[in-house]
Structure formats: structure tokens, C-alpha cells
C-alpha atoms as a PDB file:
ATOM      1  CA  MET A   1       0.000   0.000   0.000  1.00  0.00           C
ATOM      2  CA  THR A   2       1.491   3.276  -1.075  1.00  0.00           C
ATOM      3  CA  ASP A   3       1.561   6.293   1.117  1.00  0.00           C
ATOM      4  CA  GLU A   4      -1.011   8.973   0.385  1.00  0.00           C
ATOM      5  CA  LEU A   5       0.497  11.875  -1.488  1.00  0.00           C
ATOM      6  CA  THR A   6      -0.088  15.299  -0.019  1.00  0.00           C
ATOM      7  CA  TYR A   7       0.557  18.628  -1.638  1.00  0.00           C
ATOM      8  CA  GLU A   8       2.336  21.266   0.387  1.00  0.00           C
ATOM      9  CA  PRO A   9       2.883  24.596  -1.359  1.00  0.00           C
ATOM     10  CA  VAL A  10       6.450  25.775  -1.293  1.00  0.00           C
ATOM     11  CA  THR A  11       6.845  29.282   0.116  1.00  0.00           C
ATOM     12  CA  THR A  12       9.620  31.186  -1.571  1.00  0.00           C
ATOM     13  CA  ALA A  13      11.262  34.457  -0.647  1.00  0.00           C
ATOM     14  CA  GLU A  14       9.168  36.249  -3.269  1.00  0.00           C
ATOM     15  CA  ASP A  15       5.968  34.951  -1.680  1.00  0.00           C
ATOM     16  CA  LEU A  16       6.966  36.329   1.710  1.00  0.00           C
ATOM     17  CA  VAL A  17       7.368  39.864   0.400  1.00  0.00           C
ATOM     18  CA  SER A  18       4.483  39.696  -2.045  1.00  0.00           C
ATOM     19  CA  PRO A  19       1.429  41.802  -1.161  1.00  0.00           C
ATOM     20  CA  GLU A  20      -0.709  38.807  -2.074  1.00  0.00           C
ATOM     21  CA  HIS A  21       0.847  36.629   0.646  1.00  0.00           C
ATOM     22  CA  ILE A  22      -1.539  35.899   3.515  1.00  0.00           C
ATOM     23  CA  PRO A  23      -0.464  33.816   6.541  1.00  0.00           C
ATOM     24  CA  ALA A  24      -1.938  30.339   6.675  1.00  0.00           C
ATOM     25  CA  GLU A  25      -3.565  30.972  10.057  1.00  0.00           C
ATOM     26  CA  MET A  26      -5.373  34.051   8.720  1.00  0.00           C
ATOM     27  CA  THR A  27      -8.928  33.004   7.934  1.00  0.00           C
ATOM     28  CA  GLN A  28     -11.673  35.117   6.418  1.00  0.00           C
ATOM     29  CA  LYS A  29     -13.432  35.313   9.784  1.00  0.00           C
ATOM     30  CA  ARG A  30     -10.310  36.513  11.566  1.00  0.00           C
ATOM     31  CA  LEU A  31      -9.630  39.030   8.821  1.00  0.00           C
ATOM     32  CA  ASN A  32     -13.155  40.440   9.119  1.00  0.00           C
ATOM     33  CA  ASP A  33     -12.883  40.582  12.898  1.00  0.00           C
ATOM     34  CA  ASP A  34      -9.622  42.534  12.738  1.00  0.00           C
ATOM     35  CA  LEU A  35     -11.003  45.011  10.222  1.00  0.00           C
ATOM     36  CA  LEU A  36     -14.312  45.508  12.017  1.00  0.00           C
ATOM     37  CA  LYS A  37     -12.506  46.470  15.205  1.00  0.00           C
ATOM     38  CA  LEU A  38     -12.116  49.880  13.584  1.00  0.00           C
ATOM     39  CA  ILE A  39     -15.910  50.285  13.717  1.00  0.00           C
ATOM     40  CA  SER A  40     -16.293  50.866  17.424  1.00  0.00           C
ATOM     41  CA  VAL A  41     -17.378  53.534  19.887  1.00  0.00           C
ATOM     42  CA  PRO A  42     -15.467  56.765  19.126  1.00  0.00           C
ATOM     43  CA  GLY A  43     -12.810  57.787  21.612  1.00  0.00           C
ATOM     44  CA  PRO A  44     -11.971  61.225  23.040  1.00  0.00           C
ATOM     45  CA  VAL A  45      -9.642  62.079  20.145  1.00  0.00           C
ATOM     46  CA  TRP A  46     -12.410  61.440  17.632  1.00  0.00           C
ATOM     47  CA  TRP A  47     -14.878  63.560  19.590  1.00  0.00           C
ATOM     48  CA  GLY A  48     -12.321  66.356  19.891  1.00  0.00           C
ATOM     49  CA  LEU A  49     -11.786  66.446  16.131  1.00  0.00           C
ATOM     50  CA  PHE A  50     -15.533  66.229  15.579  1.00  0.00           C
ATOM     51  CA  LEU A  51     -16.191  69.239  17.815  1.00  0.00           C
ATOM     52  CA  LEU A  52     -13.437  71.171  16.041  1.00  0.00           C
ATOM     53  CA  ASP A  53     -14.997  70.413  12.656  1.00  0.00           C
ATOM     54  CA  LEU A  54     -18.409  71.353  14.034  1.00  0.00           C
ATOM     55  CA  ALA A  55     -17.049  74.719  15.189  1.00  0.00           C
ATOM     56  CA  ILE A  56     -15.586  75.392  11.730  1.00  0.00           C
ATOM     57  CA  LEU A  57     -18.904  74.415  10.149  1.00  0.00           C
ATOM     58  CA  THR A  58     -20.708  76.837  12.467  1.00  0.00           C
ATOM     59  CA  LEU A  59     -18.420  79.681  11.392  1.00  0.00           C
ATOM     60  CA  GLY A  60     -19.099  78.819   7.765  1.00  0.00           C
ATOM     61  CA  ALA A  61     -22.856  78.828   8.368  1.00  0.00           C
ATOM     62  CA  ILE A  62     -22.607  82.270  10.002  1.00  0.00           C
ATOM     63  CA  ALA A  63     -20.580  83.589   7.059  1.00  0.00           C
ATOM     64  CA  GLU A  64     -23.120  82.197   4.594  1.00  0.00           C
ATOM     65  CA  ARG A  65     -25.941  83.810   6.568  1.00  0.00           C
ATOM     66  CA  ASN A  66     -24.171  87.183   6.350  1.00  0.00           C
ATOM     67  CA  GLN A  67     -23.662  86.736   2.617  1.00  0.00           C
ATOM     68  CA  ILE A  68     -27.349  85.982   2.097  1.00  0.00           C
ATOM     69  CA  ALA A  69     -28.357  89.017   4.161  1.00  0.00           C
ATOM     70  CA  LEU A  70     -25.821  91.499   2.749  1.00  0.00           C
ATOM     71  CA  GLY A  71     -25.173  90.111  -0.744  1.00  0.00           C
ATOM     72  CA  ILE A  72     -22.288  88.289  -2.375  1.00  0.00           C
ATOM     73  CA  GLY A  73     -20.277  91.501  -2.370  1.00  0.00           C
ATOM     74  CA  VAL A  74     -19.022  90.550   1.102  1.00  0.00           C
ATOM     75  CA  ALA A  75     -17.073  87.735  -0.589  1.00  0.00           C
ATOM     76  CA  GLY A  76     -15.426  90.156  -3.025  1.00  0.00           C
ATOM     77  CA  HIS A  77     -17.787  89.498  -5.923  1.00  0.00           C
ATOM     78  CA  THR A  78     -18.598  92.614  -7.894  1.00  0.00           C
ATOM     79  CA  ARG A  79     -18.434  93.792 -11.475  1.00  0.00           C
ATOM     80  CA  PRO A  80     -16.489  92.688 -13.414  1.00  0.00           C
ATOM     81  CA  VAL A  81     -15.210  89.989 -11.005  1.00  0.00           C
ATOM     82  CA  MET A  82     -18.128  87.557 -10.911  1.00  0.00           C
ATOM     83  CA  TRP A  83     -16.503  84.293  -9.804  1.00  0.00           C
ATOM     84  CA  ALA A  84     -13.348  85.004  -7.803  1.00  0.00           C
ATOM     85  CA  SER A  85     -12.778  82.611  -4.883  1.00  0.00           C
ATOM     86  CA  TYR A  86     -15.855  80.454  -5.418  1.00  0.00           C
ATOM     87  CA  VAL A  87     -14.837  79.166  -8.835  1.00  0.00           C
ATOM     88  CA  THR A  88     -11.320  78.554  -7.500  1.00  0.00           C
ATOM     89  CA  ASP A  89     -12.642  76.489  -4.596  1.00  0.00           C
ATOM     90  CA  PHE A  90     -15.020  74.702  -6.944  1.00  0.00           C
ATOM     91  CA  VAL A  91     -12.214  73.619  -9.270  1.00  0.00           C
ATOM     92  CA  PHE A  92     -10.036  72.647  -6.286  1.00  0.00           C
ATOM     93  CA  TRP A  93     -12.611  70.273  -4.797  1.00  0.00           C
ATOM     94  CA  VAL A  94     -13.402  68.768  -8.181  1.00  0.00           C
ATOM     95  CA  GLY A  95      -9.681  68.043  -8.488  1.00  0.00           C
ATOM     96  CA  ILE A  96      -9.704  66.401  -5.043  1.00  0.00           C
ATOM     97  CA  ALA A  97     -12.560  64.188  -6.214  1.00  0.00           C
ATOM     98  CA  HIS A  98     -10.592  63.266  -9.333  1.00  0.00           C
ATOM     99  CA  CYS A  99      -7.691  62.141  -7.133  1.00  0.00           C
ATOM    100  CA  GLY A 100      -9.991  59.603  -5.498  1.00  0.00           C
ATOM    101  CA  THR A 101     -11.108  58.311  -8.882  1.00  0.00           C
ATOM    102  CA  LEU A 102      -7.482  58.055  -9.985  1.00  0.00           C
ATOM    103  CA  VAL A 103      -6.514  55.947  -6.972  1.00  0.00           C
ATOM    104  CA  SER A 104      -9.562  53.708  -7.041  1.00  0.00           C
ATOM    105  CA  ALA A 105     -10.883  53.300 -10.586  1.00  0.00           C
ATOM    106  CA  ILE A 106      -7.839  53.841 -12.793  1.00  0.00           C
ATOM    107  CA  LEU A 107      -5.462  51.805 -10.635  1.00  0.00           C
ATOM    108  CA  PHE A 108      -8.069  49.037 -10.477  1.00  0.00           C
ATOM    109  CA  LEU A 109      -8.104  48.860 -14.268  1.00  0.00           C
ATOM    110  CA  PHE A 110      -4.307  48.549 -14.245  1.00  0.00           C
ATOM    111  CA  ARG A 111      -4.489  45.876 -11.510  1.00  0.00           C
ATOM    112  CA  SER A 112      -2.262  47.812  -9.117  1.00  0.00           C
ATOM    113  CA  HIS A 113      -2.307  45.917  -5.830  1.00  0.00           C
ATOM    114  CA  PHE A 114      -1.047  48.769  -3.663  1.00  0.00           C
ATOM    115  CA  ARG A 115      -4.400  50.547  -4.099  1.00  0.00           C
ATOM    116  CA  ARG A 116      -6.109  48.040  -1.808  1.00  0.00           C
ATOM    117  CA  ALA A 117      -4.928  49.778   1.346  1.00  0.00           C
ATOM    118  CA  VAL A 118      -6.595  53.087   0.492  1.00  0.00           C
ATOM    119  CA  TYR A 119      -9.127  52.510  -2.277  1.00  0.00           C
ATOM    120  CA  ARG A 120     -12.182  52.598  -0.009  1.00  0.00           C
ATOM    121  CA  ILE A 121     -11.036  55.912   1.472  1.00  0.00           C
ATOM    122  CA  ALA A 122     -10.362  57.192  -2.049  1.00  0.00           C
ATOM    123  CA  GLU A 123     -13.878  56.302  -3.193  1.00  0.00           C
ATOM    124  CA  ALA A 124     -15.401  58.062  -0.186  1.00  0.00           C
ATOM    125  CA  MET A 125     -13.147  61.066  -0.842  1.00  0.00           C
ATOM    126  CA  THR A 126     -14.494  61.227  -4.394  1.00  0.00           C
ATOM    127  CA  VAL A 127     -18.120  61.359  -3.257  1.00  0.00           C
ATOM    128  CA  PHE A 128     -17.580  63.927  -0.510  1.00  0.00           C
ATOM    129  CA  GLY A 129     -15.264  65.964  -2.735  1.00  0.00           C
ATOM    130  CA  VAL A 130     -17.973  66.286  -5.385  1.00  0.00           C
ATOM    131  CA  LEU A 131     -20.564  67.172  -2.738  1.00  0.00           C
ATOM    132  CA  THR A 132     -18.295  69.900  -1.383  1.00  0.00           C
ATOM    133  CA  ALA A 133     -17.577  71.223  -4.873  1.00  0.00           C
ATOM    134  CA  GLY A 134     -21.290  71.450  -5.607  1.00  0.00           C
ATOM    135  CA  LEU A 135     -21.777  73.843  -2.682  1.00  0.00           C
ATOM    136  CA  PHE A 136     -19.769  76.678  -4.234  1.00  0.00           C
ATOM    137  CA  PRO A 137     -21.915  77.285  -7.351  1.00  0.00           C
ATOM    138  CA  ILE A 138     -24.950  77.244  -5.047  1.00  0.00           C
ATOM    139  CA  MET A 139     -23.375  79.804  -2.701  1.00  0.00           C
ATOM    140  CA  HIS A 140     -22.397  81.883  -5.723  1.00  0.00           C
ATOM    141  CA  LEU A 141     -26.056  82.276  -6.663  1.00  0.00           C
ATOM    142  CA  GLY A 142     -26.618  84.654  -3.763  1.00  0.00           C
ATOM    143  CA  ARG A 143     -30.078  83.150  -3.251  1.00  0.00           C
ATOM    144  CA  PRO A 144     -29.328  79.447  -2.731  1.00  0.00           C
ATOM    145  CA  TRP A 145     -32.978  78.542  -2.129  1.00  0.00           C
ATOM    146  CA  PHE A 146     -33.511  79.053  -5.872  1.00  0.00           C
ATOM    147  CA  ALA A 147     -30.801  76.537  -6.808  1.00  0.00           C
ATOM    148  CA  TYR A 148     -33.386  74.188  -8.292  1.00  0.00           C
ATOM    149  CA  TRP A 149     -33.904  76.737 -11.078  1.00  0.00           C
ATOM    150  CA  LEU A 150     -30.613  75.498 -12.546  1.00  0.00           C
ATOM    151  CA  PHE A 151     -32.203  72.169 -13.442  1.00  0.00           C
ATOM    152  CA  PRO A 152     -34.304  72.075 -16.614  1.00  0.00           C
ATOM    153  CA  TYR A 153     -37.849  71.095 -15.782  1.00  0.00           C
ATOM    154  CA  PRO A 154     -41.155  72.050 -17.449  1.00  0.00           C
ATOM    155  CA  THR A 155     -43.091  74.818 -15.730  1.00  0.00           C
ATOM    156  CA  GLN A 156     -46.174  76.879 -16.497  1.00  0.00           C
ATOM    157  CA  ARG A 157     -43.980  79.942 -17.003  1.00  0.00           C
ATOM    158  CA  GLY A 158     -42.088  78.249 -19.822  1.00  0.00           C
ATOM    159  CA  ILE A 159     -38.725  79.503 -18.492  1.00  0.00           C
ATOM    160  CA  TRP A 160     -35.659  77.345 -19.138  1.00  0.00           C
ATOM    161  CA  PRO A 161     -32.079  77.735 -17.888  1.00  0.00           C
ATOM    162  CA  ASN A 162     -29.514  79.463 -20.039  1.00  0.00           C
ATOM    163  CA  PHE A 163     -27.648  76.512 -21.523  1.00  0.00           C
ATOM    164  CA  ARG A 164     -24.942  78.848 -22.830  1.00  0.00           C
ATOM    165  CA  SER A 165     -23.867  79.647 -19.284  1.00  0.00           C
ATOM    166  CA  PRO A 166     -20.834  77.767 -17.878  1.00  0.00           C
ATOM    167  CA  LEU A 167     -22.681  77.635 -14.558  1.00  0.00           C
ATOM    168  CA  GLU A 168     -25.327  75.477 -16.202  1.00  0.00           C
ATOM    169  CA  TRP A 169     -22.641  73.178 -17.608  1.00  0.00           C
ATOM    170  CA  ASP A 170     -21.295  72.708 -14.090  1.00  0.00           C
ATOM    171  CA  VAL A 171     -24.712  71.488 -12.970  1.00  0.00           C
ATOM    172  CA  PHE A 172     -24.737  68.646 -15.473  1.00  0.00           C
ATOM    173  CA  ALA A 173     -21.053  67.827 -14.965  1.00  0.00           C
ATOM    174  CA  VAL A 174     -21.260  67.675 -11.173  1.00  0.00           C
ATOM    175  CA  SER A 175     -24.593  65.820 -11.063  1.00  0.00           C
ATOM    176  CA  THR A 176     -23.358  63.195 -13.538  1.00  0.00           C
ATOM    177  CA  TYR A 177     -20.060  62.739 -11.727  1.00  0.00           C
ATOM    178  CA  LEU A 178     -21.810  62.543  -8.350  1.00  0.00           C
ATOM    179  CA  THR A 179     -24.233  59.890  -9.604  1.00  0.00           C
ATOM    180  CA  VAL A 180     -21.529  57.643 -11.061  1.00  0.00           C
ATOM    181  CA  SER A 181     -19.171  58.115  -8.096  1.00  0.00           C
ATOM    182  CA  SER A 182     -21.918  57.353  -5.575  1.00  0.00           C
ATOM    183  CA  ILE A 183     -22.940  54.157  -7.366  1.00  0.00           C
ATOM    184  CA  PHE A 184     -19.290  53.133  -7.689  1.00  0.00           C
ATOM    185  CA  PHE A 185     -18.783  53.704  -3.958  1.00  0.00           C
ATOM    186  CA  LEU A 186     -21.978  51.919  -2.902  1.00  0.00           C
ATOM    187  CA  VAL A 187     -21.233  48.900  -5.095  1.00  0.00           C
ATOM    188  CA  GLY A 188     -17.771  48.586  -3.560  1.00  0.00           C
ATOM    189  CA  ILE A 189     -18.994  48.555   0.047  1.00  0.00           C
ATOM    190  CA  ILE A 190     -21.544  45.757  -0.442  1.00  0.00           C
ATOM    191  CA  PRO A 191     -19.270  42.960   0.914  1.00  0.00           C
ATOM    192  CA  ASP A 192     -18.021  45.227   3.709  1.00  0.00           C
ATOM    193  CA  ALA A 193     -21.557  46.152   4.738  1.00  0.00           C
ATOM    194  CA  ALA A 194     -22.516  42.475   4.786  1.00  0.00           C
ATOM    195  CA  ALA A 195     -19.567  41.603   7.043  1.00  0.00           C
ATOM    196  CA  ALA A 196     -20.498  44.410   9.433  1.00  0.00           C
ATOM    197  CA  ARG A 197     -24.175  43.425   9.254  1.00  0.00           C
ATOM    198  CA  ASP A 198     -23.491  39.910  10.516  1.00  0.00           C
ATOM    199  CA  ARG A 199     -21.731  41.296  13.608  1.00  0.00           C
ATOM    200  CA  ALA A 200     -23.916  44.325  14.313  1.00  0.00           C
ATOM    201  CA  LYS A 201     -25.613  44.309  17.714  1.00  0.00           C
ATOM    202  CA  ASN A 202     -27.609  47.515  17.418  1.00  0.00           C
ATOM    203  CA  PRO A 203     -30.881  46.729  15.590  1.00  0.00           C
ATOM    204  CA  TYR A 204     -30.985  50.119  13.855  1.00  0.00           C
ATOM    205  CA  MET A 205     -27.399  49.805  12.652  1.00  0.00           C
ATOM    206  CA  ARG A 206     -28.119  46.260  11.523  1.00  0.00           C
ATOM    207  CA  LEU A 207     -31.106  47.511   9.512  1.00  0.00           C
ATOM    208  CA  ILE A 208     -28.993  50.181   7.807  1.00  0.00           C
ATOM    209  CA  LEU A 209     -26.234  47.694   6.994  1.00  0.00           C
ATOM    210  CA  THR A 210     -28.805  45.222   5.683  1.00  0.00           C
ATOM    211  CA  ILE A 211     -30.048  47.837   3.232  1.00  0.00           C
ATOM    212  CA  PHE A 212     -26.538  48.645   1.985  1.00  0.00           C
ATOM    213  CA  SER A 213     -25.488  44.978   1.754  1.00  0.00           C
ATOM    214  CA  LEU A 214     -28.336  44.209  -0.709  1.00  0.00           C
ATOM    215  CA  GLY A 215     -28.781  40.637   0.506  1.00  0.00           C
ATOM    216  CA  TRP A 216     -25.115  39.694   0.141  1.00  0.00           C
ATOM    217  CA  ASN A 217     -24.200  36.190   1.344  1.00  0.00           C
ATOM    218  CA  GLY A 218     -20.758  35.753  -0.234  1.00  0.00           C
ATOM    219  CA  GLY A 219     -21.676  33.142  -2.837  1.00  0.00           C
ATOM    220  CA  ASN A 220     -19.495  32.529  -5.872  1.00  0.00           C
ATOM    221  CA  ASN A 221     -22.181  33.789  -8.228  1.00  0.00           C
ATOM    222  CA  GLN A 222     -22.462  37.027  -6.251  1.00  0.00           C
ATOM    223  CA  TRP A 223     -18.698  37.569  -6.321  1.00  0.00           C
ATOM    224  CA  LYS A 224     -18.730  37.040 -10.076  1.00  0.00           C
ATOM    225  CA  HIS A 225     -21.392  39.687 -10.640  1.00  0.00           C
ATOM    226  CA  PHE A 226     -19.776  41.968  -8.072  1.00  0.00           C
ATOM    227  CA  TYR A 227     -16.443  42.079  -9.887  1.00  0.00           C
ATOM    228  CA  GLY A 228     -18.217  42.518 -13.213  1.00  0.00           C
ATOM    229  CA  ALA A 229     -20.199  45.504 -11.935  1.00  0.00           C
ATOM    230  CA  TYR A 230     -17.156  46.991 -10.209  1.00  0.00           C
ATOM    231  CA  LEU A 231     -15.119  46.710 -13.402  1.00  0.00           C
ATOM    232  CA  TYR A 232     -17.907  48.333 -15.418  1.00  0.00           C
ATOM    233  CA  PHE A 233     -18.207  51.371 -13.154  1.00  0.00           C
ATOM    234  CA  ALA A 234     -14.426  51.713 -12.904  1.00  0.00           C
ATOM    235  CA  ALA A 235     -14.190  51.810 -16.695  1.00  0.00           C
ATOM    236  CA  PHE A 236     -17.106  54.250 -16.855  1.00  0.00           C
ATOM    237  CA  ALA A 237     -15.704  56.619 -14.216  1.00  0.00           C
ATOM    238  CA  THR A 238     -12.249  56.882 -15.789  1.00  0.00           C
ATOM    239  CA  PRO A 239     -13.201  58.829 -18.964  1.00  0.00           C
ATOM    240  CA  LEU A 240     -15.706  60.784 -16.889  1.00  0.00           C
ATOM    241  CA  VAL A 241     -12.764  62.376 -15.068  1.00  0.00           C
ATOM    242  CA  LEU A 242     -11.508  63.917 -18.303  1.00  0.00           C
ATOM    243  CA  SER A 243     -14.924  65.094 -19.459  1.00  0.00           C
ATOM    244  CA  VAL A 244     -15.920  66.634 -16.115  1.00  0.00           C
ATOM    245  CA  HIS A 245     -12.670  68.520 -15.635  1.00  0.00           C
ATOM    246  CA  SER A 246     -12.836  69.730 -19.230  1.00  0.00           C
ATOM    247  CA  VAL A 247     -16.259  71.216 -18.533  1.00  0.00           C
ATOM    248  CA  VAL A 248     -14.960  72.759 -15.310  1.00  0.00           C
ATOM    249  CA  SER A 249     -12.059  74.379 -17.162  1.00  0.00           C
ATOM    250  CA  TRP A 250     -14.548  76.046 -19.493  1.00  0.00           C
ATOM    251  CA  ASP A 251     -15.652  78.186 -16.546  1.00  0.00           C
ATOM    252  CA  PHE A 252     -12.507  80.205 -17.164  1.00  0.00           C
ATOM    253  CA  ALA A 253     -12.356  79.906 -20.945  1.00  0.00           C
ATOM    254  CA  MET A 254     -15.989  80.794 -21.684  1.00  0.00           C
ATOM    255  CA  ALA A 255     -16.559  83.555 -19.122  1.00  0.00           C
ATOM    256  CA  GLN A 256     -17.786  86.650 -20.958  1.00  0.00           C
ATOM    257  CA  VAL A 257     -15.614  89.160 -19.112  1.00  0.00           C
ATOM    258  CA  PRO A 258     -13.989  91.865 -21.276  1.00  0.00           C
ATOM    259  CA  GLY A 259     -10.202  91.803 -21.038  1.00  0.00           C
ATOM    260  CA  CYS A 260     -10.065  88.420 -19.339  1.00  0.00           C
ATOM    261  CA  ARG A 261      -8.534  86.699 -22.358  1.00  0.00           C
ATOM    262  CA  SER A 262      -7.605  89.683 -24.492  1.00  0.00           C
ATOM    263  CA  ALA A 263      -3.953  90.116 -25.434  1.00  0.00           C
ATOM    264  CA  GLY A 264      -4.597  93.787 -26.118  1.00  0.00           C
ATOM    265  CA  ALA A 265      -6.006  94.553 -22.690  1.00  0.00           C
ATOM    266  CA  SER A 266      -3.085  96.798 -21.772  1.00  0.00           C
ATOM    267  CA  SER A 267      -3.308  98.834 -24.993  1.00  0.00           C
ATOM    268  CA  SER A 268      -7.059  99.317 -24.730  1.00  0.00           C
ATOM    269  CA  SER A 269      -6.924 100.249 -21.059  1.00  0.00           C
ATOM    270  CA  THR A 270      -5.825 103.811 -21.864  1.00  0.00           C
ATOM    271  CA  SER A 271      -8.969 104.785 -23.747  1.00  0.00           C
ATOM    272  CA  SER A 272     -11.140 105.694 -20.780  1.00  0.00           C
ATOM    273  CA  PRO A 273     -11.474 105.012 -17.048  1.00  0.00           C
ATOM    274  CA  THR A 274     -14.436 102.743 -17.729  1.00  0.00           C
ATOM    275  CA  THR A 275     -12.459 100.713 -20.224  1.00  0.00           C
ATOM    276  CA  THR A 276      -9.552 100.548 -17.818  1.00  0.00           C
ATOM    277  CA  SER A 277     -11.606  98.993 -15.054  1.00  0.00           C
ATOM    278  CA  ARG A 278     -13.215  96.462 -17.369  1.00  0.00           C
ATOM    279  CA  SER A 279     -10.131  95.571 -19.402  1.00  0.00           C
ATOM    280  CA  SER A 280      -7.577  95.179 -16.674  1.00  0.00           C
ATOM    281  CA  PRO A 281      -6.047  91.694 -16.455  1.00  0.00           C
ATOM    282  CA  SER A 282      -6.836  91.732 -12.742  1.00  0.00           C
ATOM    283  CA  SER A 283     -10.527  91.650 -13.590  1.00  0.00           C
ATOM    284  CA  CYS A 284     -10.322  88.093 -14.803  1.00  0.00           C
ATOM    285  CA  CYS A 285     -12.850  85.849 -13.139  1.00  0.00           C
END
């Protein structure tokens, strides 16, 4: 009778340093337990940072209240400077959102393994970056409660938005990017929400996690469809980065401000005081 042959994988030096190497004693249950330890009751450091952020948010709310009461001139917006800091902050936060897409979606398409340590944070950064960027065009309106006028919808007055305005282009760019980024983020957290759902003790938290997990049970068929959907949204979000930032850059290129893009601004600025104020390079939006 021959001895039963057993297969023992040989661990080489490359396997020990490979990011794909997982210790033999590390099971899926232990891995989930270690990761879910991060979801616990916040400590004093977390509450301190939260109160600091809340104080900054309160100052911002007070400043926005003053702007609504006194006009957007308090933020330095006057003729011919009609965008100033708000368009700068808008472009900045859109760029922050693009960084998250770069780390998560583009590196996933190139199968870069080092993204796994930060890709969930990057996806969340994309969503919250777009949400923050969308606040600045609304604040720029001066009357933010009329922000819904920017969306085209049929009314009895028959009034439609001005589709030639770069501000209107931002509405479609940001809303499209926010929709795709949110779906991409929510699809990615389905397995994580299911792992947290199975260990949740609070019934309300368990209900919320059950909704976000979408009935996930970890079957092979579910993993197959999960990776297919994740790949689809990653491929869809990558070209969206270029299109959205191209639209955002048109805020500067298409602004109808005299002298903003004119090479002869300095020569025409000597004609009259009115022309000087409207043709100065410093009046660029």
C-alpha cells in the first residue's frame, strides 16, 4: 500500500514579500474581525476632532448667513469679477474628487495591488469631494434657495435655464459625476456592509447595513457579478474624469468678461477710465 500523497505549497522568498501573501492561520473570519474592530465607539480624540470640525462648520454657516443678508459683495464678488474665490474652490474640490477616482478606478483597471490599502477611502473622498464642490456654485447664486432653477424642468412659465452659461454646464457635470461616483462607492462597500451586518448588535445599525449589503451572502455567483459591476463602473468613471474637468475648465475659458482673455487689454486700457476697469487683467474671473 502506497503512502497517500499530499501537496504542500512551497513558500519562496518572493511569496513572503508579495502583497498577495496571507499567513496560513489568517482566515476570512479573523480578517473580518480585525477590520471591524475599527468600527467601534469613538474615543476622546475622535470627539475632539468632531467638535473642532463642528465649530468650523458653524463659522461657515454664520458667514453664509451674512452673505445671504448682505449680498455676495461681502465675498469680493462685484463687477467685473463675478466668480473670484468660489470658482477657484469649486475647481479645487473637483480636483480632489478626481484624485480619489485616480486611486480607485484607474489603478483598479491597471491591476495595481497597492491601491487596496486606500481605495475605499479614495472612493469616499471622491463622493464627498464632489458634494463639497457642488456647494460653491450654489453659494455663488446669492439666493441658494432658488438653486433648483438650474435644473431644466417644465413649468407653467415656460422659463428654461440658459444653456450657454458655464454655470449650467457645471450642474450637469457635477450631477453626472456625483451619480456615477456614488454608485461606484456603494457597489464597492456591499461585501463590507454584509460583514459588518453579521456582527452588528444595534438593531438600527443592523437595519442600515442590511439595506446597503443588498442581501449579500458571499456566494461565488455574487462575487462574479460583483467584480463585473465593479469593473464596469471603474471603466465608466475613468473617462468621466476627463470630461468633467474639461467642462470645469470652461468656466474660465468661456466667461464673458472683457479683457479676461484679451492680449490687447493693456493697450485698450488707456482709452477711458471705464475701459480701464473692465479691461484690466486683474478683472479676470
